[in-house]
PDB file of N, CA and C in Angstrom:
ATOM      1  N   MET A   1      -9.364-142.957  17.990  1.00  0.00           N
ATOM      2  CA  MET A   1      -8.929-144.111  17.241  1.00  0.00           C
ATOM      3  C   MET A   1      -9.852-144.340  16.039  1.00  0.00           C
ATOM      4  N   LEU A   2     -11.145-144.171  16.239  1.00  0.00           N
ATOM      5  CA  LEU A   2     -12.074-144.394  15.136  1.00  0.00           C
ATOM      6  C   LEU A   2     -11.794-143.432  13.978  1.00  0.00           C
ATOM      7  N   ARG A   3     -11.623-142.170  14.304  1.00  0.00           N
ATOM      8  CA  ARG A   3     -11.345-141.191  13.246  1.00  0.00           C
ATOM      9  C   ARG A   3     -10.037-141.506  12.535  1.00  0.00           C
ATOM     10  N   ARG A   4      -9.032-141.830  13.305  1.00  0.00           N
ATOM     11  CA  ARG A   4      -7.702-142.091  12.739  1.00  0.00           C
ATOM     12  C   ARG A   4      -7.696-143.308  11.809  1.00  0.00           C
ATOM     13  N   THR A   5      -8.476-144.310  12.139  1.00  0.00           N
ATOM     14  CA  THR A   5      -8.481-145.543  11.351  1.00  0.00           C
ATOM     15  C   THR A   5      -9.580-145.595  10.307  1.00  0.00           C
ATOM     16  N   GLY A   6     -10.527-144.657  10.379  1.00  0.00           N
ATOM     17  CA  GLY A   6     -11.635-144.658   9.426  1.00  0.00           C
ATOM     18  C   GLY A   6     -12.693-145.708   9.738  1.00  0.00           C
ATOM     19  N   LEU A   7     -12.664-146.241  10.947  1.00  0.00           N
ATOM     20  CA  LEU A   7     -13.643-147.253  11.349  1.00  0.00           C
ATOM     21  C   LEU A   7     -14.860-146.598  11.979  1.00  0.00           C
ATOM     22  N   SER A   8     -15.947-147.331  11.986  1.00  0.00           N
ATOM     23  CA  SER A   8     -17.146-146.877  12.691  1.00  0.00           C
ATOM     24  C   SER A   8     -17.320-147.754  13.924  1.00  0.00           C
ATOM     25  N   PRO A   9     -18.111-147.318  14.888  1.00  0.00           N
ATOM     26  CA  PRO A   9     -18.356-148.156  16.062  1.00  0.00           C
ATOM     27  C   PRO A   9     -18.906-149.536  15.683  1.00  0.00           C
ATOM     28  N   ARG A  10     -19.688-149.609  14.633  1.00  0.00           N
ATOM     29  CA  ARG A  10     -20.234-150.906  14.194  1.00  0.00           C
ATOM     30  C   ARG A  10     -19.127-151.869  13.769  1.00  0.00           C
ATOM     31  N   ASP A  11     -18.013-151.336  13.253  1.00  0.00           N
ATOM     32  CA  ASP A  11     -16.891-152.187  12.861  1.00  0.00           C
ATOM     33  C   ASP A  11     -16.280-152.904  14.067  1.00  0.00           C
ATOM     34  N   LEU A  12     -16.430-152.316  15.242  1.00  0.00           N
ATOM     35  CA  LEU A  12     -15.830-152.865  16.454  1.00  0.00           C
ATOM     36  C   LEU A  12     -16.824-153.647  17.311  1.00  0.00           C
ATOM     37  N   LEU A  13     -18.059-153.735  16.857  1.00  0.00           N
ATOM     38  CA  LEU A  13     -19.125-154.350  17.637  1.00  0.00           C
ATOM     39  C   LEU A  13     -19.054-155.875  17.598  1.00  0.00           C
ATOM     40  N   SER A  14     -19.026-156.477  18.768  1.00  0.00           N
ATOM     41  CA  SER A  14     -19.011-157.935  18.875  1.00  0.00           C
ATOM     42  C   SER A  14     -20.446-158.442  18.864  1.00  0.00           C
ATOM     43  N   THR A  15     -20.876-158.929  17.720  1.00  0.00           N
ATOM     44  CA  THR A  15     -22.259-159.404  17.587  1.00  0.00           C
ATOM     45  C   THR A  15     -22.465-160.761  18.261  1.00  0.00           C
ATOM     46  N   ARG A  16     -21.370-161.397  18.677  1.00  0.00           N
ATOM     47  CA  ARG A  16     -21.491-162.686  19.381  1.00  0.00           C
ATOM     48  C   ARG A  16     -21.519-162.538  20.901  1.00  0.00           C
ATOM     49  N   SER A  17     -21.318-161.328  21.388  1.00  0.00           N
ATOM     50  CA  SER A  17     -21.268-161.140  22.839  1.00  0.00           C
ATOM     51  C   SER A  17     -22.653-161.320  23.453  1.00  0.00           C
ATOM     52  N   ARG A  18     -22.642-161.747  24.681  1.00  0.00           N
ATOM     53  CA  ARG A  18     -23.898-161.927  25.424  1.00  0.00           C
ATOM     54  C   ARG A  18     -24.630-160.591  25.560  1.00  0.00           C
ATOM     55  N   ALA A  19     -23.867-159.525  25.790  1.00  0.00           N
ATOM     56  CA  ALA A  19     -24.476-158.196  25.945  1.00  0.00           C
ATOM     57  C   ALA A  19     -25.201-157.777  24.665  1.00  0.00           C
ATOM     58  N   TYR A  20     -24.624-158.089  23.517  1.00  0.00           N
ATOM     59  CA  TYR A  20     -25.260-157.758  22.229  1.00  0.00           C
ATOM     60  C   TYR A  20     -26.629-158.437  22.147  1.00  0.00           C
ATOM     61  N   GLN A  21     -26.679-159.694  22.533  1.00  0.00           N
ATOM     62  CA  GLN A  21     -27.931-160.450  22.491  1.00  0.00           C
ATOM     63  C   GLN A  21     -28.913-159.915  23.529  1.00  0.00           C
ATOM     64  N   THR A  22     -28.433-159.720  24.750  1.00  0.00           N
ATOM     65  CA  THR A  22     -29.289-159.275  25.852  1.00  0.00           C
ATOM     66  C   THR A  22     -29.905-157.906  25.574  1.00  0.00           C
ATOM     67  N   LEU A  23     -29.116-157.016  25.010  1.00  0.00           N
ATOM     68  CA  LEU A  23     -29.607-155.657  24.719  1.00  0.00           C
ATOM     69  C   LEU A  23     -30.429-155.587  23.442  1.00  0.00           C
ATOM     70  N   GLY A  24     -30.509-156.700  22.715  1.00  0.00           N
ATOM     71  CA  GLY A  24     -31.299-156.733  21.481  1.00  0.00           C
ATOM     72  C   GLY A  24     -30.779-155.786  20.417  1.00  0.00           C
ATOM     73  N   LEU A  25     -29.452-155.667  20.309  1.00  0.00           N
ATOM     74  CA  LEU A  25     -28.878-154.678  19.389  1.00  0.00           C
ATOM     75  C   LEU A  25     -29.110-155.015  17.920  1.00  0.00           C
ATOM     76  N   ALA A  26     -29.363-156.267  17.603  1.00  0.00           N
ATOM     77  CA  ALA A  26     -29.626-156.638  16.209  1.00  0.00           C
ATOM     78  C   ALA A  26     -30.906-155.974  15.708  1.00  0.00           C
ATOM     79  N   GLU A  27     -31.848-155.766  16.609  1.00  0.00           N
ATOM     80  CA  GLU A  27     -33.141-155.187  16.227  1.00  0.00           C
ATOM     81  C   GLU A  27     -33.207-153.673  16.418  1.00  0.00           C
ATOM     82  N   ARG A  28     -32.168-153.086  16.995  1.00  0.00           N
ATOM     83  CA  ARG A  28     -32.201-151.655  17.306  1.00  0.00           C
ATOM     84  C   ARG A  28     -31.343-150.867  16.327  1.00  0.00           C
ATOM     85  N   GLU A  29     -31.807-149.672  16.003  1.00  0.00           N
ATOM     86  CA  GLU A  29     -31.016-148.759  15.183  1.00  0.00           C
ATOM     87  C   GLU A  29     -30.484-147.665  16.099  1.00  0.00           C
ATOM     88  N   LEU A  30     -29.186-147.707  16.343  1.00  0.00           N
ATOM     89  CA  LEU A  30     -28.560-146.757  17.245  1.00  0.00           C
ATOM     90  C   LEU A  30     -27.549-145.898  16.492  1.00  0.00           C
ATOM     91  N   SER A  31     -27.394-144.679  16.954  1.00  0.00           N
ATOM     92  CA  SER A  31     -26.396-143.791  16.362  1.00  0.00           C
ATOM     93  C   SER A  31     -25.009-144.250  16.786  1.00  0.00           C
ATOM     94  N   ASP A  32     -23.986-143.732  16.125  1.00  0.00           N
ATOM     95  CA  ASP A  32     -22.610-144.045  16.506  1.00  0.00           C
ATOM     96  C   ASP A  32     -22.346-143.638  17.949  1.00  0.00           C
ATOM     97  N   ASP A  33     -22.823-142.463  18.338  1.00  0.00           N
ATOM     98  CA  ASP A  33     -22.620-141.993  19.710  1.00  0.00           C
ATOM     99  C   ASP A  33     -23.287-142.917  20.722  1.00  0.00           C
ATOM    100  N   GLU A  34     -24.486-143.390  20.399  1.00  0.00           N
ATOM    101  CA  GLU A  34     -25.175-144.315  21.299  1.00  0.00           C
ATOM    102  C   GLU A  34     -24.410-145.635  21.419  1.00  0.00           C
ATOM    103  N   LEU A  35     -23.876-146.123  20.299  1.00  0.00           N
ATOM    104  CA  LEU A  35     -23.090-147.359  20.336  1.00  0.00           C
ATOM    105  C   LEU A  35     -21.826-147.188  21.178  1.00  0.00           C
ATOM    106  N   ILE A  36     -21.155-146.064  21.016  1.00  0.00           N
ATOM    107  CA  ILE A  36     -19.951-145.795  21.809  1.00  0.00           C
ATOM    108  C   ILE A  36     -20.297-145.749  23.299  1.00  0.00           C
ATOM    109  N   ASP A  37     -21.399-145.074  23.644  1.00  0.00           N
ATOM    110  CA  ASP A  37     -21.818-145.022  25.044  1.00  0.00           C
ATOM    111  C   ASP A  37     -22.078-146.427  25.588  1.00  0.00           C
ATOM    112  N   LEU A  38     -22.735-147.273  24.798  1.00  0.00           N
ATOM    113  CA  LEU A  38     -22.993-148.651  25.222  1.00  0.00           C
ATOM    114  C   LEU A  38     -21.698-149.440  25.396  1.00  0.00           C
ATOM    115  N   MET A  39     -20.730-149.230  24.497  1.00  0.00           N
ATOM    116  CA  MET A  39     -19.447-149.927  24.594  1.00  0.00           C
ATOM    117  C   MET A  39     -18.671-149.499  25.839  1.00  0.00           C
ATOM    118  N   VAL A  40     -18.818-148.237  26.222  1.00  0.00           N
ATOM    119  CA  VAL A  40     -18.171-147.760  27.446  1.00  0.00           C
ATOM    120  C   VAL A  40     -18.829-148.415  28.662  1.00  0.00           C
ATOM    121  N   GLN A  41     -20.149-148.509  28.634  1.00  0.00           N
ATOM    122  CA  GLN A  41     -20.882-149.134  29.740  1.00  0.00           C
ATOM    123  C   GLN A  41     -20.683-150.642  29.781  1.00  0.00           C
ATOM    124  N   GLU A  42     -20.568-151.268  28.617  1.00  0.00           N
ATOM    125  CA  GLU A  42     -20.464-152.725  28.511  1.00  0.00           C
ATOM    126  C   GLU A  42     -19.320-153.087  27.563  1.00  0.00           C
ATOM    127  N   PRO A  43     -18.076-153.119  28.075  1.00  0.00           N
ATOM    128  CA  PRO A  43     -16.897-153.353  27.230  1.00  0.00           C
ATOM    129  C   PRO A  43     -16.920-154.674  26.452  1.00  0.00           C
ATOM    130  N   THR A  44     -17.731-155.640  26.878  1.00  0.00           N
ATOM    131  CA  THR A  44     -17.777-156.904  26.132  1.00  0.00           C
ATOM    132  C   THR A  44     -18.403-156.727  24.751  1.00  0.00           C
ATOM    133  N   LEU A  45     -18.970-155.555  24.498  1.00  0.00           N
ATOM    134  CA  LEU A  45     -19.508-155.262  23.166  1.00  0.00           C
ATOM    135  C   LEU A  45     -18.399-154.990  22.150  1.00  0.00           C
ATOM    136  N   LEU A  46     -17.189-154.750  22.635  1.00  0.00           N
ATOM    137  CA  LEU A  46     -16.050-154.508  21.740  1.00  0.00           C
ATOM    138  C   LEU A  46     -15.459-155.829  21.264  1.00  0.00           C
ATOM    139  N   ARG A  47     -15.302-155.933  19.978  1.00  0.00           N
ATOM    140  CA  ARG A  47     -14.610-157.102  19.415  1.00  0.00           C
ATOM    141  C   ARG A  47     -13.121-156.902  19.660  1.00  0.00           C
ATOM    142  N   ARG A  48     -12.485-157.898  20.233  1.00  0.00           N
ATOM    143  CA  ARG A  48     -11.085-157.774  20.616  1.00  0.00           C
ATOM    144  C   ARG A  48     -10.281-158.930  20.064  1.00  0.00           C
ATOM    145  N   PRO A  49      -9.003-158.758  19.979  1.00  0.00           N
ATOM    146  CA  PRO A  49      -8.223-157.539  20.216  1.00  0.00           C
ATOM    147  C   PRO A  49      -8.377-156.557  19.053  1.00  0.00           C
ATOM    148  N   ILE A  50      -7.993-155.333  19.315  1.00  0.00           N
ATOM    149  CA  ILE A  50      -7.907-154.300  18.285  1.00  0.00           C
ATOM    150  C   ILE A  50      -6.433-153.934  18.191  1.00  0.00           C
ATOM    151  N   VAL A  51      -5.827-154.234  17.059  1.00  0.00           N
ATOM    152  CA  VAL A  51      -4.397-154.009  16.872  1.00  0.00           C
ATOM    153  C   VAL A  51      -4.201-153.046  15.711  1.00  0.00           C
ATOM    154  N   ILE A  52      -3.390-152.010  15.931  1.00  0.00           N
ATOM    155  CA  ILE A  52      -3.066-151.054  14.873  1.00  0.00           C
ATOM    156  C   ILE A  52      -1.557-151.077  14.700  1.00  0.00           C
ATOM    157  N   ILE A  53      -1.126-151.452  13.498  1.00  0.00           N
ATOM    158  CA  ILE A  53       0.301-151.521  13.180  1.00  0.00           C
ATOM    159  C   ILE A  53       0.534-150.713  11.914  1.00  0.00           C
ATOM    160  N   ASP A  54       1.291-149.633  12.034  1.00  0.00           N
ATOM    161  CA  ASP A  54       1.584-148.766  10.889  1.00  0.00           C
ATOM    162  C   ASP A  54       0.318-148.387  10.121  1.00  0.00           C
ATOM    163  N   GLY A  55      -0.729-148.049  10.855  1.00  0.00           N
ATOM    164  CA  GLY A  55      -1.974-147.623  10.235  1.00  0.00           C
ATOM    165  C   GLY A  55      -2.881-148.750   9.777  1.00  0.00           C
ATOM    166  N   GLN A  56      -2.402-149.970   9.804  1.00  0.00           N
ATOM    167  CA  GLN A  56      -3.225-151.119   9.422  1.00  0.00           C
ATOM    168  C   GLN A  56      -3.947-151.637  10.663  1.00  0.00           C
ATOM    169  N   VAL A  57      -5.251-151.845  10.546  1.00  0.00           N
ATOM    170  CA  VAL A  57      -6.058-152.264  11.680  1.00  0.00           C
ATOM    171  C   VAL A  57      -6.451-153.725  11.525  1.00  0.00           C
ATOM    172  N   VAL A  58      -6.254-154.484  12.595  1.00  0.00           N
ATOM    173  CA  VAL A  58      -6.708-155.875  12.642  1.00  0.00           C
ATOM    174  C   VAL A  58      -7.631-155.984  13.849  1.00  0.00           C
ATOM    175  N   ILE A  59      -8.865-156.410  13.593  1.00  0.00           N
ATOM    176  CA  ILE A  59      -9.852-156.525  14.656  1.00  0.00           C
ATOM    177  C   ILE A  59     -10.207-157.992  14.827  1.00  0.00           C
ATOM    178  N   GLY A  60     -10.223-158.428  16.066  1.00  0.00           N
ATOM    179  CA  GLY A  60     -10.586-159.807  16.354  1.00  0.00           C
ATOM    180  C   GLY A  60      -9.405-160.747  16.185  1.00  0.00           C
ATOM    181  N   SER A  61      -9.707-162.007  16.207  1.00  0.00           N
ATOM    182  CA  SER A  61      -8.662-163.036  16.209  1.00  0.00           C
ATOM    183  C   SER A  61      -8.338-163.548  14.811  1.00  0.00           C
ATOM    184  N   ASP A  62      -8.088-162.639  13.888  1.00  0.00           N
ATOM    185  CA  ASP A  62      -7.728-163.025  12.522  1.00  0.00           C
ATOM    186  C   ASP A  62      -6.204-163.184  12.474  1.00  0.00           C
ATOM    187  N   ARG A  63      -5.737-164.377  12.743  1.00  0.00           N
ATOM    188  CA  ARG A  63      -4.301-164.623  12.865  1.00  0.00           C
ATOM    189  C   ARG A  63      -3.545-164.341  11.580  1.00  0.00           C
ATOM    190  N   LYS A  64      -4.147-164.646  10.439  1.00  0.00           N
ATOM    191  CA  LYS A  64      -3.465-164.407   9.160  1.00  0.00           C
ATOM    192  C   LYS A  64      -3.263-162.914   8.929  1.00  0.00           C
ATOM    193  N   ARG A  65      -4.302-162.116   9.185  1.00  0.00           N
ATOM    194  CA  ARG A  65      -4.171-160.663   9.005  1.00  0.00           C
ATOM    195  C   ARG A  65      -3.202-160.072  10.008  1.00  0.00           C
ATOM    196  N   LEU A  66      -3.222-160.572  11.240  1.00  0.00           N
ATOM    197  CA  LEU A  66      -2.299-160.076  12.246  1.00  0.00           C
ATOM    198  C   LEU A  66      -0.862-160.405  11.860  1.00  0.00           C
ATOM    199  N   ALA A  67      -0.612-161.625  11.423  1.00  0.00           N
ATOM    200  CA  ALA A  67       0.732-162.013  10.995  1.00  0.00           C
ATOM    201  C   ALA A  67       1.197-161.172   9.814  1.00  0.00           C
ATOM    202  N   ALA A  68       0.282-160.910   8.870  1.00  0.00           N
ATOM    203  CA  ALA A  68       0.629-160.094   7.718  1.00  0.00           C
ATOM    204  C   ALA A  68       0.963-158.660   8.149  1.00  0.00           C
ATOM    205  N   ALA A  69       0.189-158.116   9.082  1.00  0.00           N
ATOM    206  CA  ALA A  69       0.446-156.761   9.572  1.00  0.00           C
ATOM    207  C   ALA A  69       1.794-156.692  10.285  1.00  0.00           C
ATOM    208  N   LEU A  70       2.073-157.708  11.084  1.00  0.00           N
ATOM    209  CA  LEU A  70       3.360-157.737  11.778  1.00  0.00           C
ATOM    210  C   LEU A  70       4.529-157.876  10.828  1.00  0.00           C
ATOM    211  N   ALA A  71       4.294-158.546   9.718  1.00  0.00           N
ATOM    212  CA  ALA A  71       5.359-158.736   8.712  1.00  0.00           C
ATOM    213  C   ALA A  71       5.473-157.517   7.786  1.00  0.00           C
ATOM    214  N   GLY A  72       4.573-156.533   7.975  1.00  0.00           N
ATOM    215  CA  GLY A  72       4.631-155.326   7.155  1.00  0.00           C
ATOM    216  C   GLY A  72       3.910-155.460   5.833  1.00  0.00           C
ATOM    217  N   GLU A  73       3.107-156.487   5.680  1.00  0.00           N
ATOM    218  CA  GLU A  73       2.338-156.671   4.446  1.00  0.00           C
ATOM    219  C   GLU A  73       1.008-155.951   4.585  1.00  0.00           C
ATOM    220  N   SER A  74       0.494-155.438   3.479  1.00  0.00           N
ATOM    221  CA  SER A  74      -0.826-154.816   3.521  1.00  0.00           C
ATOM    222  C   SER A  74      -1.852-155.827   3.045  1.00  0.00           C
ATOM    223  N   SER A  75      -3.070-155.671   3.550  1.00  0.00           N
ATOM    224  CA  SER A  75      -4.127-156.617   3.186  1.00  0.00           C
ATOM    225  C   SER A  75      -4.969-156.133   2.044  1.00  0.00           C
TER     226      SER A  75
END
């Protein structure tokens, strides 16, 4: 999904999650692979929902972008 959408693991990282704070990720420099491994171990690190509509990606609870994607509008 990351390759297909051109996103990086950091684009999907929930910086407000408790796990993000507990693991001290703001102070750590991790590779993309390390971030993916952490997200697999701790799914709350993923910002949700992740919606892909006709190649357009909407991450998180951005209702305006989601509505626009559903209506076929590009952002």
